[in-house]
């Protein structure tokens, strides 16, 4: 692409900024599904355990819950970072 004037450079920069904002918003939207999906998995796992008589808490159960909570926390941290980037892109620093 050939840039002939300052307006072309500004337009290209604005286009790249809009594209980056859309990518960040898409990532934020995908990360919003992590807590709900893990909650659904844990609830279905609990019902399965109750249905088949696995009512005792083993160390493996606690490890699985810890992993689930860790992944939810990590997705929240990623969303916070993406929101910070989005705010900086839209409104400047």
Protein backbone atom coordinates (compact mmCIF):
# COMPACT_ATOMS: atom_id res chain seq x y z
CA UNK A 1 0.00 0.00 0.00
CA UNK A 2 1.35 3.35 -1.02
CA UNK A 3 0.95 6.29 1.32
CA UNK A 4 0.89 9.58 -0.56
CA UNK A 5 -0.04 12.10 2.10
CA UNK A 6 -0.33 12.74 5.81
CA UNK A 7 -4.07 12.08 5.58
CA UNK A 8 -3.35 8.59 4.20
CA UNK A 9 -1.02 7.89 7.12
CA UNK A 10 -3.61 9.14 9.62
CA UNK A 11 -6.34 7.06 7.98
CA UNK A 12 -4.16 3.94 8.04
CA UNK A 13 -3.29 4.52 11.69
CA UNK A 14 -6.97 4.99 12.55
CA UNK A 15 -7.91 1.84 10.63
CA UNK A 16 -5.28 -0.17 12.50
CA UNK A 17 -6.49 1.25 15.81
CA UNK A 18 -10.11 0.29 15.04
CA UNK A 19 -9.00 -3.19 13.99
CA UNK A 20 -7.05 -3.64 17.23
CA UNK A 21 -10.05 -2.43 19.28
CA UNK A 22 -12.30 -4.97 17.56
CA UNK A 23 -9.82 -7.79 18.24
CA UNK A 24 -9.58 -6.85 21.92
CA UNK A 25 -13.38 -6.67 22.24
CA UNK A 26 -13.67 -10.11 20.65
CA UNK A 27 -11.15 -11.56 23.14
CA UNK A 28 -13.01 -9.98 26.06
CA UNK A 29 -16.26 -11.49 24.81
CA UNK A 30 -14.71 -14.96 24.56
CA UNK A 31 -13.19 -14.68 28.05
CA UNK A 32 -16.59 -13.79 29.50
CA UNK A 33 -17.71 -17.38 28.87
CA UNK A 34 -15.00 -18.96 31.05
CA UNK A 35 -16.60 -18.50 34.50
CA UNK A 36 -20.06 -19.62 33.35
CA UNK A 37 -18.76 -22.67 31.51
CA UNK A 38 -16.59 -23.78 34.42
CA UNK A 39 -19.53 -23.28 36.77
CA UNK A 40 -21.68 -25.49 34.53
CA UNK A 41 -18.95 -28.14 34.44
CA UNK A 42 -18.59 -28.12 38.23
CA UNK A 43 -22.37 -28.36 38.74
CA UNK A 44 -22.69 -31.23 36.27
CA UNK A 45 -19.71 -32.96 37.92
CA UNK A 46 -21.37 -32.55 41.35
CA UNK A 47 -24.65 -34.01 40.07
CA UNK A 48 -22.77 -36.88 38.47
CA UNK A 49 -20.99 -37.53 41.77
CA UNK A 50 -24.25 -37.47 43.69
CA UNK A 51 -26.01 -39.69 41.16
CA UNK A 52 -23.35 -42.39 41.19
CA UNK A 53 -22.75 -42.25 44.93
CA UNK A 54 -19.40 -40.51 45.02
CA UNK A 55 -20.10 -38.28 48.00
CA UNK A 56 -16.75 -38.28 49.75
CA UNK A 57 -14.25 -35.51 49.17
CA UNK A 58 -11.04 -36.92 47.87
CA UNK A 59 -7.86 -34.90 47.27
CA UNK A 60 -8.51 -35.20 43.53
CA UNK A 61 -11.85 -33.42 43.94
CA UNK A 62 -10.17 -30.56 45.75
CA UNK A 63 -7.47 -30.35 43.07
CA UNK A 64 -10.10 -30.13 40.32
CA UNK A 65 -11.93 -27.34 42.12
CA UNK A 66 -8.64 -25.50 42.71
CA UNK A 67 -7.81 -25.76 39.00
CA UNK A 68 -11.26 -24.45 38.10
CA UNK A 69 -10.93 -21.49 40.45
CA UNK A 70 -7.43 -20.78 39.15
CA UNK A 71 -8.59 -20.73 35.54
CA UNK A 72 -11.45 -18.38 36.41
CA UNK A 73 -9.02 -16.06 38.20
CA UNK A 74 -6.61 -16.16 35.25
CA UNK A 75 -9.39 -15.31 32.78
CA UNK A 76 -10.43 -12.38 34.98
CA UNK A 77 -6.85 -11.08 35.03
CA UNK A 78 -6.65 -11.38 31.24
CA UNK A 79 -9.96 -9.53 30.87
CA UNK A 80 -8.71 -6.75 33.14
CA UNK A 81 -5.54 -6.36 31.06
CA UNK A 82 -7.56 -6.32 27.84
CA UNK A 83 -9.94 -3.72 29.26
CA UNK A 84 -6.99 -1.55 30.23
CA UNK A 85 -5.60 -1.82 26.68
CA UNK A 86 -9.02 -1.07 25.23
CA UNK A 87 -9.42 2.00 27.42
CA UNK A 88 -5.98 3.27 26.42
CA UNK A 89 -6.74 2.78 22.73
CA UNK A 90 -10.15 4.42 22.84
CA UNK A 91 -9.46 7.32 25.20
CA UNK A 92 -5.69 7.71 25.24
CA UNK A 93 -3.59 7.66 28.39
